C-alpha atoms as a PDB file:
ATOM      1  CA  UNK A   1      30.776  -3.046  46.437  1.00  0.00           C
ATOM      2  CA  UNK A   2      28.593  -0.281  47.891  1.00  0.00           C
ATOM      3  CA  UNK A   3      24.914  -0.594  48.767  1.00  0.00           C
ATOM      4  CA  UNK A   4      24.218   1.659  45.787  1.00  0.00           C
ATOM      5  CA  UNK A   5      25.885  -0.910  43.540  1.00  0.00           C
ATOM      6  CA  UNK A   6      23.756  -3.659  45.078  1.00  0.00           C
ATOM      7  CA  UNK A   7      20.571  -1.678  44.428  1.00  0.00           C
ATOM      8  CA  UNK A   8      21.612  -1.136  40.837  1.00  0.00           C
ATOM      9  CA  UNK A   9      22.318  -4.838  40.421  1.00  0.00           C
ATOM     10  CA  UNK A  10      19.040  -5.974  41.960  1.00  0.00           C
ATOM     11  CA  UNK A  11      16.956  -3.997  39.478  1.00  0.00           C
ATOM     12  CA  UNK A  12      18.080  -6.407  36.752  1.00  0.00           C
ATOM     13  CA  UNK A  13      17.125  -9.631  38.548  1.00  0.00           C
ATOM     14  CA  UNK A  14      13.408  -9.556  37.616  1.00  0.00           C
ATOM     15  CA  UNK A  15      14.287  -8.376  34.092  1.00  0.00           C
ATOM     16  CA  UNK A  16      16.626 -11.333  33.488  1.00  0.00           C
ATOM     17  CA  UNK A  17      14.689 -14.103  35.242  1.00  0.00           C
ATOM     18  CA  UNK A  18      13.436 -16.655  32.707  1.00  0.00           C
ATOM     19  CA  UNK A  19      15.264 -15.010  29.778  1.00  0.00           C
ATOM     20  CA  UNK A  20      17.604 -16.961  27.494  1.00  0.00           C
ATOM     21  CA  UNK A  21      21.165 -15.769  26.834  1.00  0.00           C
ATOM     22  CA  UNK A  22      23.701 -17.310  24.449  1.00  0.00           C
ATOM     23  CA  UNK A  23      27.234 -16.953  25.823  1.00  0.00           C
ATOM     24  CA  UNK A  24      30.078 -17.488  23.338  1.00  0.00           C
ATOM     25  CA  UNK A  25      33.257 -18.071  25.361  1.00  0.00           C
ATOM     26  CA  UNK A  26      36.211 -17.407  23.068  1.00  0.00           C
ATOM     27  CA  UNK A  27      38.183 -15.940  25.966  1.00  0.00           C
ATOM     28  CA  UNK A  28      41.624 -17.381  26.841  1.00  0.00           C
ATOM     29  CA  UNK A  29      41.922 -20.495  29.021  1.00  0.00           C
ATOM     30  CA  UNK A  30      42.931 -18.666  32.243  1.00  0.00           C
ATOM     31  CA  UNK A  31      39.635 -16.726  32.163  1.00  0.00           C
ATOM     32  CA  UNK A  32      37.433 -19.767  31.581  1.00  0.00           C
ATOM     33  CA  UNK A  33      37.061 -20.805  35.236  1.00  0.00           C
ATOM     34  CA  UNK A  34      35.958 -17.353  36.422  1.00  0.00           C
ATOM     35  CA  UNK A  35      33.599 -16.996  33.477  1.00  0.00           C
ATOM     36  CA  UNK A  36      31.918 -20.235  34.517  1.00  0.00           C
ATOM     37  CA  UNK A  37      31.477 -18.858  38.041  1.00  0.00           C
ATOM     38  CA  UNK A  38      29.772 -15.809  36.540  1.00  0.00           C
ATOM     39  CA  UNK A  39      27.456 -18.135  34.619  1.00  0.00           C
ATOM     40  CA  UNK A  40      26.541 -19.873  37.876  1.00  0.00           C
ATOM     41  CA  UNK A  41      25.541 -16.461  39.261  1.00  0.00           C
ATOM     42  CA  UNK A  42      23.332 -15.850  36.227  1.00  0.00           C
ATOM     43  CA  UNK A  43      21.773 -19.287  36.506  1.00  0.00           C
ATOM     44  CA  UNK A  44      21.073 -18.702  40.200  1.00  0.00           C
ATOM     45  CA  UNK A  45      18.855 -15.710  39.384  1.00  0.00           C
ATOM     46  CA  UNK A  46      16.926 -17.667  36.773  1.00  0.00           C
ATOM     47  CA  UNK A  47      18.742 -16.873  33.524  1.00  0.00           C
ATOM     48  CA  UNK A  48      18.618 -19.679  30.964  1.00  0.00           C
ATOM     49  CA  UNK A  49      21.972 -20.318  29.277  1.00  0.00           C
ATOM     50  CA  UNK A  50      23.242 -21.731  26.003  1.00  0.00           C
ATOM     51  CA  UNK A  51      27.050 -21.879  26.171  1.00  0.00           C
ATOM     52  CA  UNK A  52      29.329 -22.367  23.174  1.00  0.00           C
ATOM     53  CA  UNK A  53      32.837 -21.671  21.911  1.00  0.00           C
ATOM     54  CA  UNK A  54      35.064 -21.849  18.859  1.00  0.00           C
ATOM     55  CA  UNK A  55      38.174 -21.835  21.075  1.00  0.00           C
ATOM     56  CA  UNK A  56      37.385 -24.366  23.801  1.00  0.00           C
ATOM     57  CA  UNK A  57      36.153 -27.896  23.128  1.00  0.00           C
ATOM     58  CA  UNK A  58      32.787 -29.079  24.361  1.00  0.00           C
ATOM     59  CA  UNK A  59      34.591 -31.440  26.763  1.00  0.00           C
ATOM     60  CA  UNK A  60      36.516 -28.487  28.228  1.00  0.00           C
ATOM     61  CA  UNK A  61      33.286 -26.562  28.716  1.00  0.00           C
ATOM     62  CA  UNK A  62      31.589 -29.569  30.313  1.00  0.00           C
ATOM     63  CA  UNK A  63      34.539 -30.146  32.641  1.00  0.00           C
ATOM     64  CA  UNK A  64      34.608 -26.512  33.757  1.00  0.00           C
ATOM     65  CA  UNK A  65      30.832 -26.456  34.182  1.00  0.00           C
ATOM     66  CA  UNK A  66      31.046 -29.543  36.410  1.00  0.00           C
ATOM     67  CA  UNK A  67      33.851 -28.023  38.509  1.00  0.00           C
ATOM     68  CA  UNK A  68      31.749 -24.977  39.449  1.00  0.00           C
ATOM     69  CA  UNK A  69      28.566 -27.047  39.858  1.00  0.00           C
ATOM     70  CA  UNK A  70      26.700 -25.345  37.054  1.00  0.00           C
ATOM     71  CA  UNK A  71      23.494 -27.249  36.311  1.00  0.00           C
ATOM     72  CA  UNK A  72      23.788 -28.427  32.719  1.00  0.00           C
ATOM     73  CA  UNK A  73      22.569 -31.059  30.267  1.00  0.00           C
ATOM     74  CA  UNK A  74      25.155 -33.836  30.093  1.00  0.00           C
ATOM     75  CA  UNK A  75      25.222 -34.102  26.289  1.00  0.00           C
ATOM     76  CA  UNK A  76      26.205 -31.152  24.090  1.00  0.00           C
ATOM     77  CA  UNK A  77      23.571 -29.959  21.634  1.00  0.00           C
ATOM     78  CA  UNK A  78      24.417 -29.993  17.928  1.00  0.00           C
ATOM     79  CA  UNK A  79      23.415 -27.729  15.083  1.00  0.00           C
ATOM     80  CA  UNK A  80      21.153 -30.589  13.957  1.00  0.00           C
ATOM     81  CA  UNK A  81      19.392 -30.704  17.348  1.00  0.00           C
ATOM     82  CA  UNK A  82      15.721 -29.817  17.406  1.00  0.00           C
ATOM     83  CA  UNK A  83      15.000 -26.541  19.225  1.00  0.00           C
ATOM     84  CA  UNK A  84      12.422 -28.432  21.297  1.00  0.00           C
ATOM     85  CA  UNK A  85      15.164 -30.707  22.698  1.00  0.00           C
ATOM     86  CA  UNK A  86      17.200 -27.707  23.829  1.00  0.00           C
ATOM     87  CA  UNK A  87      14.164 -25.927  25.256  1.00  0.00           C
ATOM     88  CA  UNK A  88      13.271 -29.021  27.279  1.00  0.00           C
ATOM     89  CA  UNK A  89      16.656 -28.926  29.036  1.00  0.00           C
ATOM     90  CA  UNK A  90      16.434 -25.175  29.575  1.00  0.00           C
ATOM     91  CA  UNK A  91      12.973 -25.459  31.141  1.00  0.00           C
ATOM     92  CA  UNK A  92      14.382 -28.014  33.576  1.00  0.00           C
ATOM     93  CA  UNK A  93      16.822 -25.353  34.741  1.00  0.00           C
ATOM     94  CA  UNK A  94      19.822 -26.849  32.938  1.00  0.00           C
ATOM     95  CA  UNK A  95      22.309 -24.882  30.863  1.00  0.00           C
ATOM     96  CA  UNK A  96      23.010 -26.306  27.398  1.00  0.00           C
ATOM     97  CA  UNK A  97      26.510 -26.658  25.961  1.00  0.00           C
ATOM     98  CA  UNK A  98      26.192 -26.109  22.221  1.00  0.00           C
ATOM     99  CA  UNK A  99      28.619 -27.449  19.618  1.00  0.00           C
ATOM    100  CA  UNK A 100      29.213 -24.589  17.184  1.00  0.00           C
ATOM    101  CA  UNK A 101      31.208 -26.870  14.902  1.00  0.00           C
ATOM    102  CA  UNK A 102      33.275 -23.911  13.684  1.00  0.00           C
ATOM    103  CA  UNK A 103      30.164 -21.912  12.837  1.00  0.00           C
ATOM    104  CA  UNK A 104      30.319 -18.130  13.176  1.00  0.00           C
ATOM    105  CA  UNK A 105      27.959 -17.151  16.035  1.00  0.00           C
ATOM    106  CA  UNK A 106      27.194 -13.976  14.058  1.00  0.00           C
ATOM    107  CA  UNK A 107      26.125 -15.914  10.972  1.00  0.00           C
ATOM    108  CA  UNK A 108      22.568 -15.755   9.663  1.00  0.00           C
ATOM    109  CA  UNK A 109      22.158 -19.482  10.244  1.00  0.00           C
ATOM    110  CA  UNK A 110      23.075 -19.226  13.915  1.00  0.00           C
ATOM    111  CA  UNK A 111      21.009 -16.053  14.360  1.00  0.00           C
ATOM    112  CA  UNK A 112      17.942 -17.806  12.925  1.00  0.00           C
ATOM    113  CA  UNK A 113      18.589 -20.780  15.217  1.00  0.00           C
ATOM    114  CA  UNK A 114      18.931 -18.503  18.257  1.00  0.00           C
ATOM    115  CA  UNK A 115      15.761 -16.655  17.298  1.00  0.00           C
ATOM    116  CA  UNK A 116      13.895 -19.985  17.141  1.00  0.00           C
ATOM    117  CA  UNK A 117      14.832 -20.453  20.815  1.00  0.00           C
ATOM    118  CA  UNK A 118      13.671 -16.886  21.713  1.00  0.00           C
ATOM    119  CA  UNK A 119      17.191 -15.796  22.724  1.00  0.00           C
ATOM    120  CA  UNK A 120      17.272 -12.171  23.913  1.00  0.00           C
ATOM    121  CA  UNK A 121      21.046 -11.680  24.298  1.00  0.00           C
ATOM    122  CA  UNK A 122      24.043 -12.976  22.375  1.00  0.00           C
ATOM    123  CA  UNK A 123      27.203 -12.295  24.404  1.00  0.00           C
ATOM    124  CA  UNK A 124      30.609 -12.801  22.777  1.00  0.00           C
ATOM    125  CA  UNK A 125      33.529 -13.042  25.217  1.00  0.00           C
ATOM    126  CA  UNK A 126      36.465 -12.378  22.929  1.00  0.00           C
ATOM    127  CA  UNK A 127      40.183 -12.927  23.171  1.00  0.00           C
ATOM    128  CA  UNK A 128      42.843 -10.244  23.498  1.00  0.00           C
ATOM    129  CA  UNK A 129      43.377  -7.954  20.521  1.00  0.00           C
ATOM    130  CA  UNK A 130      39.821  -7.689  19.214  1.00  0.00           C
ATOM    131  CA  UNK A 131      39.036  -4.018  19.781  1.00  0.00           C
ATOM    132  CA  UNK A 132      35.662  -2.442  18.994  1.00  0.00           C
ATOM    133  CA  UNK A 133      34.252   0.997  19.800  1.00  0.00           C
ATOM    134  CA  UNK A 134      32.921   0.888  23.366  1.00  0.00           C
ATOM    135  CA  UNK A 135      29.344   1.778  24.176  1.00  0.00           C
ATOM    136  CA  UNK A 136      25.819   1.077  22.970  1.00  0.00           C
ATOM    137  CA  UNK A 137      24.846   1.440  19.311  1.00  0.00           C
ATOM    138  CA  UNK A 138      21.429   1.069  17.734  1.00  0.00           C
ATOM    139  CA  UNK A 139      21.506  -1.559  14.975  1.00  0.00           C
ATOM    140  CA  UNK A 140      19.886   0.843  12.511  1.00  0.00           C
ATOM    141  CA  UNK A 141      22.676   3.394  13.119  1.00  0.00           C
ATOM    142  CA  UNK A 142      25.535   1.095  12.074  1.00  0.00           C
ATOM    143  CA  UNK A 143      27.077   2.672   8.954  1.00  0.00           C
ATOM    144  CA  UNK A 144      29.706   1.818   6.362  1.00  0.00           C
ATOM    145  CA  UNK A 145      32.541   3.389   8.373  1.00  0.00           C
ATOM    146  CA  UNK A 146      32.128   0.888  11.204  1.00  0.00           C
ATOM    147  CA  UNK A 147      33.844  -2.527  11.537  1.00  0.00           C
ATOM    148  CA  UNK A 148      32.327  -5.499   9.733  1.00  0.00           C
ATOM    149  CA  UNK A 149      31.768  -7.216  13.079  1.00  0.00           C
ATOM    150  CA  UNK A 150      29.261  -4.512  14.017  1.00  0.00           C
ATOM    151  CA  UNK A 151      27.444  -4.946  10.694  1.00  0.00           C
ATOM    152  CA  UNK A 152      27.186  -8.669  11.410  1.00  0.00           C
ATOM    153  CA  UNK A 153      25.865  -7.904  14.900  1.00  0.00           C
ATOM    154  CA  UNK A 154      23.282  -5.515  13.431  1.00  0.00           C
ATOM    155  CA  UNK A 155      22.130  -8.303  11.098  1.00  0.00           C
ATOM    156  CA  UNK A 156      21.743 -10.589  14.130  1.00  0.00           C
ATOM    157  CA  UNK A 157      19.574  -7.939  15.776  1.00  0.00           C
ATOM    158  CA  UNK A 158      17.468  -7.610  12.634  1.00  0.00           C
ATOM    159  CA  UNK A 159      17.021 -11.393  12.734  1.00  0.00           C
ATOM    160  CA  UNK A 160      15.207 -11.010  16.051  1.00  0.00           C
ATOM    161  CA  UNK A 161      17.874 -11.036  18.794  1.00  0.00           C
ATOM    162  CA  UNK A 162      17.394  -7.906  20.929  1.00  0.00           C
ATOM    163  CA  UNK A 163      21.039  -7.342  21.864  1.00  0.00           C
ATOM    164  CA  UNK A 164      24.539  -8.468  20.888  1.00  0.00           C
ATOM    165  CA  UNK A 165      27.393  -7.795  23.331  1.00  0.00           C
ATOM    166  CA  UNK A 166      31.165  -7.929  22.702  1.00  0.00           C
ATOM    167  CA  UNK A 167      33.381  -8.135  25.777  1.00  0.00           C
ATOM    168  CA  UNK A 168      37.069  -8.540  26.569  1.00  0.00           C
ATOM    169  CA  UNK A 169      36.912 -12.086  27.891  1.00  0.00           C
ATOM    170  CA  UNK A 170      40.332 -11.812  29.546  1.00  0.00           C
ATOM    171  CA  UNK A 171      39.059  -9.167  31.984  1.00  0.00           C
ATOM    172  CA  UNK A 172      37.824 -10.662  35.302  1.00  0.00           C
ATOM    173  CA  UNK A 173      34.156 -10.072  36.044  1.00  0.00           C
ATOM    174  CA  UNK A 174      33.495  -8.420  32.691  1.00  0.00           C
ATOM    175  CA  UNK A 175      30.345 -10.449  31.999  1.00  0.00           C
ATOM    176  CA  UNK A 176      28.542  -9.381  35.166  1.00  0.00           C
ATOM    177  CA  UNK A 177      29.855  -5.815  34.888  1.00  0.00           C
ATOM    178  CA  UNK A 178      28.319  -5.565  31.419  1.00  0.00           C
ATOM    179  CA  UNK A 179      24.980  -7.140  32.209  1.00  0.00           C
ATOM    180  CA  UNK A 180      24.308  -5.518  35.574  1.00  0.00           C
ATOM    181  CA  UNK A 181      24.913  -1.858  34.746  1.00  0.00           C
ATOM    182  CA  UNK A 182      23.081   0.681  32.590  1.00  0.00           C
ATOM    183  CA  UNK A 183      26.166   1.806  30.688  1.00  0.00           C
ATOM    184  CA  UNK A 184      28.065  -1.499  30.549  1.00  0.00           C
ATOM    185  CA  UNK A 185      31.774  -2.022  29.995  1.00  0.00           C
ATOM    186  CA  UNK A 186      31.937  -3.379  26.449  1.00  0.00           C
ATOM    187  CA  UNK A 187      30.281  -2.921  23.066  1.00  0.00           C
ATOM    188  CA  UNK A 188      26.569  -3.499  22.572  1.00  0.00           C
ATOM    189  CA  UNK A 189      24.478  -3.439  19.402  1.00  0.00           C
ATOM    190  CA  UNK A 190      20.774  -3.316  20.132  1.00  0.00           C
ATOM    191  CA  UNK A 191      17.455  -3.393  18.309  1.00  0.00           C
ATOM    192  CA  UNK A 192      15.083  -2.880  21.245  1.00  0.00           C
ATOM    193  CA  UNK A 193      14.350   0.223  23.314  1.00  0.00           C
ATOM    194  CA  UNK A 194      17.614   0.319  25.256  1.00  0.00           C
ATOM    195  CA  UNK A 195      17.731   4.126  25.384  1.00  0.00           C
ATOM    196  CA  UNK A 196      14.599   6.145  24.696  1.00  0.00           C
ATOM    197  CA  UNK A 197      13.152   9.534  25.495  1.00  0.00           C
ATOM    198  CA  UNK A 198       9.455   9.103  26.210  1.00  0.00           C
ATOM    199  CA  UNK A 199       6.560  10.993  27.789  1.00  0.00           C
ATOM    200  CA  UNK A 200       6.450  11.045  31.577  1.00  0.00           C
ATOM    201  CA  UNK A 201       3.841   8.710  33.059  1.00  0.00           C
ATOM    202  CA  UNK A 202       1.989   9.222  36.330  1.00  0.00           C
ATOM    203  CA  UNK A 203       3.772   6.243  37.870  1.00  0.00           C
ATOM    204  CA  UNK A 204       7.125   7.959  37.095  1.00  0.00           C
ATOM    205  CA  UNK A 205       6.388  11.139  39.066  1.00  0.00           C
ATOM    206  CA  UNK A 206       7.699   9.963  42.438  1.00  0.00           C
ATOM    207  CA  UNK A 207      10.910   8.744  40.788  1.00  0.00           C
ATOM    208  CA  UNK A 208      11.281  12.062  38.951  1.00  0.00           C
ATOM    209  CA  UNK A 209      10.852  14.081  42.158  1.00  0.00           C
ATOM    210  CA  UNK A 210      13.399  11.905  43.954  1.00  0.00           C
ATOM    211  CA  UNK A 211      15.845  12.202  41.065  1.00  0.00           C
ATOM    212  CA  UNK A 212      15.773  16.000  40.849  1.00  0.00           C
ATOM    213  CA  UNK A 213      15.583  16.525  44.631  1.00  0.00           C
ATOM    214  CA  UNK A 214      19.280  17.316  45.011  1.00  0.00           C
ATOM    215  CA  UNK A 215      19.139  20.116  42.438  1.00  0.00           C
ATOM    216  CA  UNK A 216      15.932  21.485  43.936  1.00  0.00           C
ATOM    217  CA  UNK A 217      17.538  21.568  47.405  1.00  0.00           C
ATOM    218  CA  UNK A 218      20.540  23.376  45.898  1.00  0.00           C
ATOM    219  CA  UNK A 219      18.244  25.957  44.250  1.00  0.00           C
ATOM    220  CA  UNK A 220      19.290  24.847  40.766  1.00  0.00           C
ATOM    221  CA  UNK A 221      15.783  23.716  39.784  1.00  0.00           C
ATOM    222  CA  UNK A 222      12.377  25.170  40.619  1.00  0.00           C
ATOM    223  CA  UNK A 223      10.598  23.247  43.425  1.00  0.00           C
ATOM    224  CA  UNK A 224       7.793  20.984  42.201  1.00  0.00           C
ATOM    225  CA  UNK A 225       5.431  18.644  44.000  1.00  0.00           C
ATOM    226  CA  UNK A 226       3.405  15.659  42.818  1.00  0.00           C
ATOM    227  CA  UNK A 227       0.297  17.743  42.039  1.00  0.00           C
ATOM    228  CA  UNK A 228       2.317  20.320  40.049  1.00  0.00           C
ATOM    229  CA  UNK A 229       3.876  17.661  37.835  1.00  0.00           C
ATOM    230  CA  UNK A 230       0.645  15.685  37.444  1.00  0.00           C
ATOM    231  CA  UNK A 231      -1.251  18.776  36.278  1.00  0.00           C
ATOM    232  CA  UNK A 232       1.410  19.348  33.578  1.00  0.00           C
ATOM    233  CA  UNK A 233       2.149  15.687  32.814  1.00  0.00           C
ATOM    234  CA  UNK A 234       2.038  16.088  29.029  1.00  0.00           C
ATOM    235  CA  UNK A 235       4.804  18.700  29.168  1.00  0.00           C
ATOM    236  CA  UNK A 236       7.383  16.362  30.712  1.00  0.00           C
ATOM    237  CA  UNK A 237       9.648  13.770  29.087  1.00  0.00           C
ATOM    238  CA  UNK A 238      12.152  11.371  30.603  1.00  0.00           C
ATOM    239  CA  UNK A 239      15.164   9.514  29.270  1.00  0.00           C
ATOM    240  CA  UNK A 240      15.022   5.808  30.063  1.00  0.00           C
ATOM    241  CA  UNK A 241      17.993   3.464  29.784  1.00  0.00           C
ATOM    242  CA  UNK A 242      17.348  -0.244  30.113  1.00  0.00           C
ATOM    243  CA  UNK A 243      14.032   0.477  31.811  1.00  0.00           C
ATOM    244  CA  UNK A 244      15.513   2.975  34.297  1.00  0.00           C
ATOM    245  CA  UNK A 245      14.767   6.716  34.281  1.00  0.00           C
ATOM    246  CA  UNK A 246      18.073   8.644  34.186  1.00  0.00           C
ATOM    247  CA  UNK A 247      17.098  12.131  33.017  1.00  0.00           C
ATOM    248  CA  UNK A 248      14.242  14.575  32.456  1.00  0.00           C
ATOM    249  CA  UNK A 249      13.177  17.655  30.567  1.00  0.00           C
ATOM    250  CA  UNK A 250       9.984  19.695  30.272  1.00  0.00           C
ATOM    251  CA  UNK A 251       8.780  22.054  27.553  1.00  0.00           C
ATOM    252  CA  UNK A 252       6.583  24.754  29.068  1.00  0.00           C
ATOM    253  CA  UNK A 253       4.628  26.710  26.480  1.00  0.00           C
ATOM    254  CA  UNK A 254       3.306  30.222  27.080  1.00  0.00           C
ATOM    255  CA  UNK A 255      -0.236  30.733  25.714  1.00  0.00           C
ATOM    256  CA  UNK A 256      -0.355  33.567  23.215  1.00  0.00           C
ATOM    257  CA  UNK A 257       3.437  33.728  22.962  1.00  0.00           C
ATOM    258  CA  UNK A 258       5.625  32.335  20.186  1.00  0.00           C
ATOM    259  CA  UNK A 259       8.066  30.923  22.743  1.00  0.00           C
ATOM    260  CA  UNK A 260       8.476  27.975  25.102  1.00  0.00           C
ATOM    261  CA  UNK A 261      10.735  27.290  28.081  1.00  0.00           C
ATOM    262  CA  UNK A 262      13.064  24.314  28.396  1.00  0.00           C
ATOM    263  CA  UNK A 263      12.725  23.403  32.078  1.00  0.00           C
ATOM    264  CA  UNK A 264      13.394  20.629  34.608  1.00  0.00           C
ATOM    265  CA  UNK A 265      16.487  19.565  32.667  1.00  0.00           C
ATOM    266  CA  UNK A 266      18.317  16.968  34.744  1.00  0.00           C
ATOM    267  CA  UNK A 267      20.611  13.980  34.266  1.00  0.00           C
ATOM    268  CA  UNK A 268      21.516  11.627  37.104  1.00  0.00           C
ATOM    269  CA  UNK A 269      25.037  12.009  38.488  1.00  0.00           C
ATOM    270  CA  UNK A 270      25.884   8.457  37.446  1.00  0.00           C
ATOM    271  CA  UNK A 271      25.120   9.327  33.807  1.00  0.00           C
ATOM    272  CA  UNK A 272      26.672  12.779  33.520  1.00  0.00           C
ATOM    273  CA  UNK A 273      29.182  13.632  30.795  1.00  0.00           C
ATOM    274  CA  UNK A 274      27.698  11.260  28.203  1.00  0.00           C
ATOM    275  CA  UNK A 275      25.773  13.782  26.113  1.00  0.00           C
ATOM    276  CA  UNK A 276      22.361  12.859  27.511  1.00  0.00           C
ATOM    277  CA  UNK A 277      21.575  16.461  28.512  1.00  0.00           C
ATOM    278  CA  UNK A 278      22.146  17.525  24.914  1.00  0.00           C
ATOM    279  CA  UNK A 279      19.812  14.778  23.696  1.00  0.00           C
ATOM    280  CA  UNK A 280      17.100  15.920  26.092  1.00  0.00           C
ATOM    281  CA  UNK A 281      17.422  19.563  24.957  1.00  0.00           C
ATOM    282  CA  UNK A 282      17.228  18.499  21.298  1.00  0.00           C
ATOM    283  CA  UNK A 283      14.122  16.498  22.131  1.00  0.00           C
ATOM    284  CA  UNK A 284      12.521  19.590  23.678  1.00  0.00           C
ATOM    285  CA  UNK A 285      13.499  21.658  20.621  1.00  0.00           C
ATOM    286  CA  UNK A 286      11.882  19.074  18.346  1.00  0.00           C
ATOM    287  CA  UNK A 287       8.697  19.229  20.411  1.00  0.00           C
ATOM    288  CA  UNK A 288       8.720  23.026  20.055  1.00  0.00           C
ATOM    289  CA  UNK A 289       9.041  22.707  16.282  1.00  0.00           C
ATOM    290  CA  UNK A 290       6.098  20.308  16.198  1.00  0.00           C
ATOM    291  CA  UNK A 291       4.038  22.859  18.173  1.00  0.00           C
ATOM    292  CA  UNK A 292       5.004  25.593  15.704  1.00  0.00           C
ATOM    293  CA  UNK A 293       6.954  27.528  18.325  1.00  0.00           C
ATOM    294  CA  UNK A 294       9.890  29.450  16.833  1.00  0.00           C
ATOM    295  CA  UNK A 295      11.779  30.313  20.035  1.00  0.00           C
ATOM    296  CA  UNK A 296      12.828  28.276  23.063  1.00  0.00           C
ATOM    297  CA  UNK A 297      14.669  29.593  26.084  1.00  0.00           C
ATOM    298  CA  UNK A 298      15.934  28.464  29.476  1.00  0.00           C
ATOM    299  CA  UNK A 299      16.111  30.283  32.795  1.00  0.00           C
ATOM    300  CA  UNK A 300      19.090  29.766  35.067  1.00  0.00           C
ATOM    301  CA  UNK A 301      20.536  31.153  38.260  1.00  0.00           C
END
């Protein structure tokens, strides 16, 4: 792991601390031990955990949790358990093993139960052979052509759970790889602001200047300083993924002219080739339409 990877990982620690995740471990037996080690890592940074499975028994989960020294409540919770009982264990810093009793973790009943606990992520570690389109999808964009599993996940999001993740549970380290990276390695359905294009804020300017610095040094973008950007703040937008700025664009209008320039278009190297540049240009075009400008252009060397 490079230092860059460590920096990327550390940005999630404050975001996850104190949050409650439900982890459904339907991965094969050989992967169970390593998955438990990953859960210890999550617990060590302050993530609260509810762990369940329709493949492994509660005794198996308790045994594995004990082997890796996960801190957990000694008695499994049942579907009849009061949310307050579970929350009491979680506030003590203990993970809770939950008895699904054959219940579908994507069911409305379970989603309502999870929402009552203020769960923010439902992570399903699946067995081999369950293939879904990889990437992040907004719950409202799930359409009739997509698998029923994604429709069920969208319903879970609409019930109040911010994100539902589907991962290949047989792949070592997949849980941490999904949670500690912007793009992830599995399938995610989300209802919150995972990926947004928003106006630039003053506190973003230093990050913007650092991000575009390479292209400025290579004479691909016009040099800008803090004062330049601040004086034109309303003209700039940034793309944010999981709370991290990964791209920018500016729409520079020309007073008295029916035209505007698309400028400062940039996407971080780590996020290139994913269509984000196109999204930023379309955003600038939409802004031009809203201003009543009929022509947009870009200058390039």
